[in-house]
Protein backbone atom coordinates (compact mmCIF):
# COMPACT_ATOMS: atom_id res chain seq x y z
CA MET A 1 0.91 28.11 4.08
CA ALA A 2 -2.74 28.88 2.74
CA GLY A 3 -0.69 31.99 0.68
CA ASP A 4 1.97 29.65 -0.99
CA SER A 5 2.06 28.39 -4.27
CA SER A 6 3.83 25.12 -5.02
CA PHE A 7 4.70 22.42 -7.69
CA ASP A 8 6.10 18.89 -7.48
CA VAL A 9 9.28 17.88 -9.26
CA VAL A 10 8.84 13.86 -10.29
CA SER A 11 10.43 11.53 -12.69
CA LYS A 12 7.90 9.63 -14.52
CA VAL A 13 8.14 7.40 -17.45
CA ASP A 14 4.72 6.53 -19.56
CA ARG A 15 5.04 2.67 -19.54
CA GLN A 16 2.86 2.45 -22.73
CA GLU A 17 5.16 4.53 -24.99
CA VAL A 18 8.31 2.19 -23.52
CA ASP A 19 5.93 -0.90 -24.47
CA ASN A 20 5.18 0.68 -28.07
CA ALA A 21 8.97 1.28 -28.70
CA LEU A 22 9.80 -2.09 -27.44
CA ASN A 23 7.35 -3.51 -29.73
CA GLN A 24 8.44 -1.43 -32.69
CA ALA A 25 11.89 -2.58 -31.99
CA LYS A 26 11.02 -6.36 -31.83
CA LYS A 27 9.35 -5.90 -35.24
CA GLU A 28 12.38 -4.20 -36.91
CA ILE A 29 14.75 -6.84 -35.21
CA GLU A 30 12.39 -9.70 -36.84
CA GLN A 31 12.70 -7.97 -40.35
CA ARG A 32 16.30 -6.50 -40.60
CA TYR A 33 18.47 -8.36 -42.92
CA ASP A 34 21.61 -7.85 -40.30
CA PHE A 35 19.57 -9.71 -37.60
CA LYS A 36 18.71 -12.74 -39.44
CA GLY A 37 20.02 -15.96 -38.30
CA VAL A 38 21.67 -14.40 -35.15
CA GLY A 39 19.10 -15.19 -32.58
CA ALA A 40 18.36 -11.54 -31.97
CA SER A 41 15.54 -10.97 -29.58
CA ILE A 42 14.13 -8.03 -26.90
CA ASP A 43 11.36 -8.88 -24.77
CA TRP A 44 9.87 -7.91 -21.21
CA SER A 45 11.05 -10.31 -18.48
CA GLY A 46 9.22 -9.03 -15.55
CA GLU A 47 10.00 -5.28 -15.07
CA ASN A 48 13.22 -5.50 -16.82
CA ILE A 49 13.88 -5.68 -20.69
CA VAL A 50 15.88 -8.53 -21.89
CA MET A 51 18.03 -8.45 -24.95
CA ALA A 52 19.61 -11.53 -26.61
CA ALA A 53 21.67 -12.29 -29.46
CA ASN A 54 24.66 -14.76 -30.57
CA SER A 55 27.22 -12.00 -30.54
CA GLU A 56 28.45 -9.13 -27.80
CA ASP A 57 28.12 -6.63 -31.05
CA ARG A 58 24.48 -7.89 -32.06
CA VAL A 59 23.32 -7.38 -28.45
CA LYS A 60 24.48 -3.73 -28.41
CA ALA A 61 22.72 -3.29 -31.95
CA VAL A 62 19.70 -4.77 -30.48
CA LEU A 63 20.08 -1.96 -27.76
CA ASP A 64 20.59 0.63 -30.49
CA VAL A 65 17.47 -0.18 -32.22
CA PHE A 66 15.61 0.06 -29.01
CA ILE A 67 17.08 3.35 -27.93
CA ALA A 68 16.17 4.99 -31.44
CA LYS A 69 12.60 3.61 -30.99
CA LEU A 70 12.45 5.27 -27.36
CA ALA A 71 13.80 8.61 -28.74
CA LYS A 72 11.36 8.71 -31.53
CA ARG A 73 8.58 7.95 -28.94
CA GLY A 74 9.53 11.16 -26.70
CA VAL A 75 10.81 8.60 -23.78
CA SER A 76 13.99 10.10 -21.87
CA LEU A 77 17.20 8.05 -22.17
CA LYS A 78 17.97 9.21 -18.81
CA SER A 79 15.08 6.93 -17.66
CA LEU A 80 16.58 3.89 -19.31
CA ASP A 81 19.44 2.00 -17.20
CA HIS A 82 21.39 -0.95 -18.88
CA GLY A 83 24.19 -3.10 -17.83
CA ASP A 84 26.83 -4.86 -20.39
CA PRO A 85 26.37 -7.85 -22.33
CA THR A 86 27.13 -11.29 -20.66
CA PRO A 87 27.52 -14.64 -22.02
CA SER A 88 25.04 -16.74 -21.31
CA GLY A 89 25.30 -20.40 -22.78
CA LYS A 90 25.75 -19.78 -26.73
CA GLU A 91 24.15 -16.22 -26.33
CA TYR A 92 24.84 -13.04 -25.03
CA ARG A 93 22.54 -11.33 -23.06
CA MET A 94 21.95 -7.87 -21.64
CA SER A 95 19.22 -6.73 -19.31
CA ALA A 96 17.86 -2.93 -19.06
CA SER A 97 15.45 -1.40 -16.74
CA ILE A 98 13.35 1.87 -16.73
CA LYS A 99 14.12 4.19 -13.97
CA GLU A 100 11.21 6.13 -12.30
CA GLY A 101 11.15 7.97 -9.26
CA ILE A 102 13.75 10.61 -7.66
CA SER A 103 16.43 8.93 -5.83
CA GLN A 104 17.49 10.21 -2.30
CA GLU A 105 20.60 11.07 -3.27
CA THR A 106 19.46 13.01 -6.42
CA ALA A 107 16.63 14.69 -4.54
CA LYS A 108 19.20 15.92 -1.74
CA LYS A 109 21.14 17.10 -4.63
CA LEU A 110 18.51 19.33 -6.06
CA THR A 111 17.17 20.72 -2.65
CA LYS A 112 20.97 21.77 -2.08
CA LEU A 113 20.90 23.46 -5.43
CA ILE A 114 17.72 25.30 -4.73
CA ARG A 115 18.77 26.51 -1.33
CA ASP A 116 22.36 27.55 -2.37
CA GLU A 117 21.35 29.01 -6.13
CA GLY A 118 17.43 29.58 -5.93
CA PRO A 119 15.56 32.75 -4.64
CA LYS A 120 15.72 32.87 -0.95
CA SER A 121 11.92 32.38 -0.37
CA VAL A 122 11.85 28.89 -2.07
CA LYS A 123 11.70 25.98 0.06
CA ALA A 124 12.15 22.37 -0.99
CA GLN A 125 10.88 19.24 0.81
CA ILE A 126 11.72 15.60 -0.25
CA GLN A 127 8.40 13.71 -0.01
CA GLY A 128 9.43 9.79 -0.95
CA ASP A 129 10.69 9.91 -4.38
CA GLU A 130 8.91 13.04 -4.99
CA LEU A 131 10.34 16.70 -4.51
CA ARG A 132 7.51 19.55 -3.56
CA VAL A 133 9.08 23.01 -4.05
CA SER A 134 7.04 25.93 -2.57
CA SER A 135 7.18 29.67 -2.00
CA LYS A 136 5.02 32.76 -1.76
CA SER A 137 6.13 34.20 -5.28
CA ARG A 138 5.03 32.55 -8.35
CA ASP A 139 8.07 34.15 -10.24
CA ASP A 140 10.46 32.75 -7.64
CA LEU A 141 9.02 29.25 -8.47
CA GLN A 142 9.37 29.77 -12.16
CA SER A 143 13.00 30.75 -11.74
CA ALA A 144 13.33 27.84 -9.44
CA ILE A 145 11.90 25.77 -12.64
CA ALA A 146 14.62 27.34 -14.51
CA LEU A 147 17.34 26.54 -12.28
CA LEU A 148 16.12 22.85 -11.98
CA LYS A 149 15.78 22.39 -15.79
CA GLY A 150 19.59 23.57 -16.27
CA ALA A 151 20.73 21.05 -13.17
CA ASP A 152 23.10 18.40 -14.29
CA VAL A 153 21.28 15.37 -12.95
CA ASP A 154 21.18 11.92 -14.32
CA THR A 155 17.30 11.79 -13.88
CA ASP A 156 14.48 12.97 -16.24
CA LEU A 157 12.60 15.41 -14.36
CA GLN A 158 8.86 16.73 -14.73
CA PHE A 159 7.51 19.52 -13.08
CA VAL A 160 3.57 18.89 -11.93
CA ASN A 161 1.03 20.08 -9.63
CA TYR A 162 1.79 23.82 -10.05
CA ARG A 163 -0.56 25.49 -8.06
């Protein structure tokens, strides 16, 4: 394997950018006229993001503001996993989380895609929540990256450690 080149396929999110987007959304919610007096809020709750307001529509509006801030800061929306608003006492709450890592199911789908449609010399291995793709030819690795970029998966993919 000394002559092999490889790269890793990962799914990571810059937590600082997510935190910045959340703080910007919080400021906008505090200042916007249509959120006055509706108890609208957005905050961290451990690893999850909790949004609250006095109506279902307002919680969805808070989510829209947060999504806009994430997009503006370059965080992929494929990494955001949110549920539906649920009533909680006098208010509605919605929980969202940031997905990181490639799930086993997605990793198997990607390895099958590389095996079926990629160049024959390319091999893919699942390593925890990452995928290692290796080949003797760097050109084959480039075409594997192009193939994976075009793949329809619900995970944000990055390509790192290209060597």
